[in-house]
Protein backbone atom coordinates (compact mmCIF):
# COMPACT_ATOMS: atom_id res chain seq x y z
CA MET A 1 -6.56 0.54 26.84
CA ALA A 2 -5.51 -0.42 30.31
CA GLY A 3 -7.19 -3.63 31.39
CA ARG A 4 -8.10 -4.74 27.87
CA GLY A 5 -6.80 -8.02 26.47
CA SER A 6 -6.94 -6.81 22.88
CA VAL A 7 -7.93 -3.82 20.80
CA PRO A 8 -9.46 -3.98 17.30
CA VAL A 9 -7.88 -1.97 14.50
CA ALA A 10 -9.59 -1.62 11.13
CA PHE A 11 -8.62 0.19 7.92
CA THR A 12 -9.19 0.10 4.20
CA THR A 13 -6.18 -0.75 2.07
CA PHE A 14 -5.25 -1.02 -1.58
CA TYR A 15 -1.79 -2.52 -2.05
CA ARG A 16 -0.19 -3.44 -5.34
CA PRO A 17 3.39 -4.69 -5.04
CA ASP A 18 5.97 -4.84 -7.81
CA GLY A 19 9.65 -5.55 -7.43
CA VAL A 20 11.43 -4.72 -4.20
CA GLN A 21 9.00 -2.95 -1.90
CA THR A 22 7.42 -3.43 1.51
CA ALA A 23 4.16 -2.50 3.24
CA ARG A 24 4.07 -2.92 7.00
CA VAL A 25 1.78 -2.00 9.88
CA LEU A 26 3.60 -1.33 13.15
CA ALA A 27 2.24 -0.84 16.66
CA VAL A 28 4.01 1.39 19.19
CA TRP A 29 2.81 0.89 22.74
CA ASP A 30 3.44 3.77 25.20
CA GLY A 31 6.24 5.24 23.05
CA GLY A 32 8.24 2.00 23.03
CA THR A 33 9.87 0.11 20.19
CA PRO A 34 7.71 -0.38 17.06
CA VAL A 35 6.45 -3.95 16.62
CA GLU A 36 5.35 -5.26 13.23
CA VAL A 37 1.76 -6.51 13.46
CA LYS A 38 1.07 -7.06 9.74
CA SER A 39 2.99 -7.07 6.47
CA TYR A 40 1.76 -7.40 2.91
CA THR A 41 3.49 -9.31 0.11
CA ALA A 42 0.67 -9.69 -2.43
CA ASP A 43 -2.19 -7.65 -3.87
CA THR A 44 -4.54 -6.76 -1.03
CA ASN A 45 -7.69 -4.69 -1.43
CA GLY A 46 -10.56 -3.89 0.91
CA ARG A 47 -11.28 -3.64 4.60
CA GLN A 48 -8.74 -5.16 6.97
CA ARG A 49 -9.18 -5.94 10.66
CA LEU A 50 -6.45 -6.70 13.16
CA ASP A 51 -6.95 -7.64 16.80
CA LEU A 52 -3.87 -6.42 18.63
CA ALA A 53 -2.94 -7.96 21.97
CA VAL A 54 -2.49 -5.19 24.54
CA PRO A 55 0.73 -5.62 26.53
CA ALA A 56 0.32 -5.63 30.30
CA GLY A 57 0.11 -2.07 31.63
CA ALA A 58 -0.04 -0.41 28.19
CA SER A 59 -2.24 2.68 27.97
CA ARG A 60 -1.44 4.27 24.58
CA LEU A 61 -1.22 2.90 21.05
CA ARG A 62 0.29 4.59 18.03
CA LEU A 63 0.04 2.95 14.60
CA ARG A 64 2.59 3.40 11.85
CA PHE A 65 1.99 2.47 8.23
CA ARG A 66 5.36 2.08 6.48
CA TYR A 67 5.72 1.76 2.72
CA THR A 68 9.08 1.40 1.03
CA GLY A 69 9.33 1.32 -2.74
CA GLY A 70 10.63 3.12 -5.76
CA ASN A 71 8.45 2.11 -8.67
CA ASN A 72 5.05 2.97 -10.11
CA TRP A 73 2.94 0.76 -7.83
CA TYR A 74 1.34 1.82 -4.56
CA TRP A 75 -0.12 1.33 -1.10
CA VAL A 76 -3.19 3.34 -0.07
CA VAL A 77 -4.50 3.34 3.50
CA ASP A 78 -7.74 5.08 4.53
CA ASP A 79 -10.48 5.11 7.17
CA VAL A 80 -8.33 3.93 10.10
CA ARG A 81 -10.31 3.07 13.25
CA VAL A 82 -9.05 1.91 16.61
CA GLY A 83 -11.33 0.42 19.26
């Protein structure tokens, strides 16, 4: 990723919130501190695309999909593609 201004990230998502819950996408560049790049607060279904700005000198990207909830609703993530 070195030398790139941004990197595309795409994934399919099905999110159905209810009550107190969160769905967040985090980027971790070169093992650093996770940075939230997207959060969901309403029903979201289908293909998503994010263009992530690459920090100067970064060479590795790790994505984290974090769901917090304790009810009968859900967040599904599939078909993740980077680049």
